[in-house]
PDB file of N, CA and C in Angstrom:
ATOM      1  N   UNK A   1     -16.526  19.064 -53.223  1.00  0.00           N
ATOM      2  CA  UNK A   1     -16.687  18.339 -51.993  1.00  0.00           C
ATOM      3  C   UNK A   1     -15.560  17.444 -51.691  1.00  0.00           C
ATOM      4  N   UNK A   2     -15.207  17.202 -50.508  1.00  0.00           N
ATOM      5  CA  UNK A   2     -14.100  16.327 -50.089  1.00  0.00           C
ATOM      6  C   UNK A   2     -14.696  15.015 -49.618  1.00  0.00           C
ATOM      7  N   UNK A   3     -14.198  13.958 -50.128  1.00  0.00           N
ATOM      8  CA  UNK A   3     -14.611  12.628 -49.838  1.00  0.00           C
ATOM      9  C   UNK A   3     -13.486  11.774 -49.313  1.00  0.00           C
ATOM     10  N   UNK A   4     -13.808  10.792 -48.503  1.00  0.00           N
ATOM     11  CA  UNK A   4     -12.792   9.871 -47.975  1.00  0.00           C
ATOM     12  C   UNK A   4     -12.620   8.630 -48.831  1.00  0.00           C
ATOM     13  N   UNK A   5     -13.658   8.047 -49.294  1.00  0.00           N
ATOM     14  CA  UNK A   5     -13.570   6.802 -50.088  1.00  0.00           C
ATOM     15  C   UNK A   5     -14.287   7.055 -51.475  1.00  0.00           C
ATOM     16  N   UNK A   6     -13.875   6.344 -52.476  1.00  0.00           N
ATOM     17  CA  UNK A   6     -14.476   6.469 -53.795  1.00  0.00           C
ATOM     18  C   UNK A   6     -15.925   6.165 -53.800  1.00  0.00           C
ATOM     19  N   UNK A   7     -16.380   5.236 -53.011  1.00  0.00           N
ATOM     20  CA  UNK A   7     -17.781   4.884 -53.019  1.00  0.00           C
ATOM     21  C   UNK A   7     -18.706   5.970 -52.380  1.00  0.00           C
ATOM     22  N   UNK A   8     -18.027   6.769 -51.483  1.00  0.00           N
ATOM     23  CA  UNK A   8     -18.790   7.851 -50.906  1.00  0.00           C
ATOM     24  C   UNK A   8     -19.050   9.055 -51.730  1.00  0.00           C
ATOM     25  N   UNK A   9     -18.328   9.087 -52.908  1.00  0.00           N
ATOM     26  CA  UNK A   9     -18.514  10.150 -53.877  1.00  0.00           C
ATOM     27  C   UNK A   9     -19.490   9.850 -54.960  1.00  0.00           C
ATOM     28  N   UNK A  10     -20.142   8.782 -54.878  1.00  0.00           N
ATOM     29  CA  UNK A  10     -21.127   8.421 -55.871  1.00  0.00           C
ATOM     30  C   UNK A  10     -22.506   9.208 -55.643  1.00  0.00           C
ATOM     31  N   UNK A  11     -23.028   9.721 -56.629  1.00  0.00           N
ATOM     32  CA  UNK A  11     -24.354  10.485 -56.536  1.00  0.00           C
ATOM     33  C   UNK A  11     -25.185  10.128 -57.707  1.00  0.00           C
ATOM     34  N   UNK A  12     -26.476  10.499 -57.610  1.00  0.00           N
ATOM     35  CA  UNK A  12     -27.422  10.279 -58.733  1.00  0.00           C
ATOM     36  C   UNK A  12     -28.147  11.641 -59.024  1.00  0.00           C
ATOM     37  N   UNK A  13     -28.207  11.955 -60.296  1.00  0.00           N
ATOM     38  CA  UNK A  13     -28.835  13.235 -60.708  1.00  0.00           C
ATOM     39  C   UNK A  13     -30.309  12.999 -60.700  1.00  0.00           C
ATOM     40  N   UNK A  14     -30.995  14.047 -61.070  1.00  0.00           N
ATOM     41  CA  UNK A  14     -32.500  14.088 -61.108  1.00  0.00           C
ATOM     42  C   UNK A  14     -33.134  13.109 -62.103  1.00  0.00           C
ATOM     43  N   UNK A  15     -32.285  12.721 -63.145  1.00  0.00           N
ATOM     44  CA  UNK A  15     -32.767  11.774 -64.147  1.00  0.00           C
ATOM     45  C   UNK A  15     -32.387  10.359 -63.867  1.00  0.00           C
ATOM     46  N   UNK A  16     -31.729  10.140 -62.686  1.00  0.00           N
ATOM     47  CA  UNK A  16     -31.374   8.793 -62.307  1.00  0.00           C
ATOM     48  C   UNK A  16     -29.956   8.342 -62.807  1.00  0.00           C
ATOM     49  N   UNK A  17     -29.284   9.192 -63.397  1.00  0.00           N
ATOM     50  CA  UNK A  17     -27.897   8.878 -63.872  1.00  0.00           C
ATOM     51  C   UNK A  17     -26.854   9.044 -62.716  1.00  0.00           C
ATOM     52  N   UNK A  18     -25.916   8.081 -62.705  1.00  0.00           N
ATOM     53  CA  UNK A  18     -24.965   8.129 -61.638  1.00  0.00           C
ATOM     54  C   UNK A  18     -23.848   9.083 -61.989  1.00  0.00           C
ATOM     55  N   UNK A  19     -23.392   9.839 -60.984  1.00  0.00           N
ATOM     56  CA  UNK A  19     -22.203  10.703 -61.095  1.00  0.00           C
ATOM     57  C   UNK A  19     -21.177  10.024 -60.291  1.00  0.00           C
ATOM     58  N   UNK A  20     -20.143   9.673 -60.926  1.00  0.00           N
ATOM     59  CA  UNK A  20     -19.128   8.846 -60.230  1.00  0.00           C
ATOM     60  C   UNK A  20     -17.633   9.322 -60.617  1.00  0.00           C
ATOM     61  N   UNK A  21     -17.282  10.412 -59.989  1.00  0.00           N
ATOM     62  CA  UNK A  21     -15.937  11.053 -60.367  1.00  0.00           C
ATOM     63  C   UNK A  21     -14.710  10.219 -60.044  1.00  0.00           C
ATOM     64  N   UNK A  22     -14.819   9.313 -59.136  1.00  0.00           N
ATOM     65  CA  UNK A  22     -13.645   8.599 -58.753  1.00  0.00           C
ATOM     66  C   UNK A  22     -13.651   7.027 -59.028  1.00  0.00           C
ATOM     67  N   UNK A  23     -14.643   6.538 -59.809  1.00  0.00           N
ATOM     68  CA  UNK A  23     -14.756   5.181 -60.031  1.00  0.00           C
ATOM     69  C   UNK A  23     -15.252   4.281 -58.957  1.00  0.00           C
ATOM     70  N   UNK A  24     -16.101   4.878 -58.114  1.00  0.00           N
ATOM     71  CA  UNK A  24     -16.647   4.196 -56.958  1.00  0.00           C
ATOM     72  C   UNK A  24     -17.602   3.020 -57.274  1.00  0.00           C
ATOM     73  N   UNK A  25     -18.222   3.123 -58.407  1.00  0.00           N
ATOM     74  CA  UNK A  25     -19.188   1.964 -58.825  1.00  0.00           C
ATOM     75  C   UNK A  25     -18.384   0.714 -59.077  1.00  0.00           C
ATOM     76  N   UNK A  26     -17.258   0.907 -59.779  1.00  0.00           N
ATOM     77  CA  UNK A  26     -16.407  -0.218 -60.096  1.00  0.00           C
ATOM     78  C   UNK A  26     -15.850  -0.780 -58.802  1.00  0.00           C
ATOM     79  N   UNK A  27     -15.373   0.058 -57.919  1.00  0.00           N
ATOM     80  CA  UNK A  27     -14.876  -0.378 -56.571  1.00  0.00           C
ATOM     81  C   UNK A  27     -16.004  -1.121 -55.827  1.00  0.00           C
ATOM     82  N   UNK A  28     -17.180  -0.580 -55.820  1.00  0.00           N
ATOM     83  CA  UNK A  28     -18.284  -1.237 -55.140  1.00  0.00           C
ATOM     84  C   UNK A  28     -18.520  -2.639 -55.743  1.00  0.00           C
ATOM     85  N   UNK A  29     -18.575  -2.750 -56.986  1.00  0.00           N
ATOM     86  CA  UNK A  29     -18.791  -4.042 -57.707  1.00  0.00           C
ATOM     87  C   UNK A  29     -17.664  -5.017 -57.357  1.00  0.00           C
ATOM     88  N   UNK A  30     -16.472  -4.457 -57.216  1.00  0.00           N
ATOM     89  CA  UNK A  30     -15.313  -5.399 -56.890  1.00  0.00           C
ATOM     90  C   UNK A  30     -15.074  -5.543 -55.434  1.00  0.00           C
ATOM     91  N   UNK A  31     -15.958  -4.927 -54.571  1.00  0.00           N
ATOM     92  CA  UNK A  31     -15.857  -5.067 -53.114  1.00  0.00           C
ATOM     93  C   UNK A  31     -14.547  -4.488 -52.607  1.00  0.00           C
ATOM     94  N   UNK A  32     -14.089  -3.343 -53.105  1.00  0.00           N
ATOM     95  CA  UNK A  32     -12.884  -2.743 -52.760  1.00  0.00           C
ATOM     96  C   UNK A  32     -13.173  -1.349 -52.056  1.00  0.00           C
ATOM     97  N   UNK A  33     -12.469  -1.106 -51.031  1.00  0.00           N
ATOM     98  CA  UNK A  33     -12.541   0.216 -50.314  1.00  0.00           C
ATOM     99  C   UNK A  33     -11.215   0.866 -50.718  1.00  0.00           C
ATOM    100  N   UNK A  34     -11.435   1.955 -51.435  1.00  0.00           N
ATOM    101  CA  UNK A  34     -10.217   2.756 -51.912  1.00  0.00           C
ATOM    102  C   UNK A  34     -10.275   4.163 -51.507  1.00  0.00           C
ATOM    103  N   UNK A  35      -9.210   4.736 -50.970  1.00  0.00           N
ATOM    104  CA  UNK A  35      -9.179   6.104 -50.542  1.00  0.00           C
ATOM    105  C   UNK A  35      -9.094   6.992 -51.806  1.00  0.00           C
ATOM    106  N   UNK A  36      -9.760   8.143 -51.652  1.00  0.00           N
ATOM    107  CA  UNK A  36      -9.728   9.165 -52.707  1.00  0.00           C
ATOM    108  C   UNK A  36      -8.389   9.867 -52.737  1.00  0.00           C
ATOM    109  N   UNK A  37      -7.858  10.098 -51.547  1.00  0.00           N
ATOM    110  CA  UNK A  37      -6.649  10.988 -51.411  1.00  0.00           C
ATOM    111  C   UNK A  37      -5.742  10.370 -50.396  1.00  0.00           C
ATOM    112  N   UNK A  38      -4.405  10.638 -50.558  1.00  0.00           N
ATOM    113  CA  UNK A  38      -3.453  10.140 -49.516  1.00  0.00           C
ATOM    114  C   UNK A  38      -3.644  10.979 -48.280  1.00  0.00           C
ATOM    115  N   UNK A  39      -4.422  12.088 -48.263  1.00  0.00           N
ATOM    116  CA  UNK A  39      -4.609  12.884 -47.074  1.00  0.00           C
ATOM    117  C   UNK A  39      -5.409  12.087 -46.045  1.00  0.00           C
ATOM    118  N   UNK A  40      -6.094  11.036 -46.388  1.00  0.00           N
ATOM    119  CA  UNK A  40      -6.804  10.189 -45.462  1.00  0.00           C
ATOM    120  C   UNK A  40      -5.921   8.973 -45.134  1.00  0.00           C
ATOM    121  N   UNK A  41      -5.385   8.895 -43.957  1.00  0.00           N
ATOM    122  CA  UNK A  41      -4.406   7.933 -43.667  1.00  0.00           C
ATOM    123  C   UNK A  41      -4.943   6.817 -42.731  1.00  0.00           C
ATOM    124  N   UNK A  42      -6.281   6.756 -42.550  1.00  0.00           N
ATOM    125  CA  UNK A  42      -6.801   5.698 -41.730  1.00  0.00           C
ATOM    126  C   UNK A  42      -6.520   4.344 -42.397  1.00  0.00           C
ATOM    127  N   UNK A  43      -6.359   3.280 -41.595  1.00  0.00           N
ATOM    128  CA  UNK A  43      -6.143   1.956 -42.092  1.00  0.00           C
ATOM    129  C   UNK A  43      -7.547   1.413 -42.467  1.00  0.00           C
ATOM    130  N   UNK A  44      -7.638   0.807 -43.679  1.00  0.00           N
ATOM    131  CA  UNK A  44      -8.981   0.271 -44.057  1.00  0.00           C
ATOM    132  C   UNK A  44      -8.897  -1.219 -43.860  1.00  0.00           C
TER     133      UNK A  44
END
């Protein structure tokens, strides 16, 4: 799947475990919006 921000790639499995391939939970806790790829060039 293609995502724009790290926090938008966070998911939960059926057991309640977080799947966080891009470190979005840490960004969320630090109140940071970080792009996953340079392909997304919008200004945050």
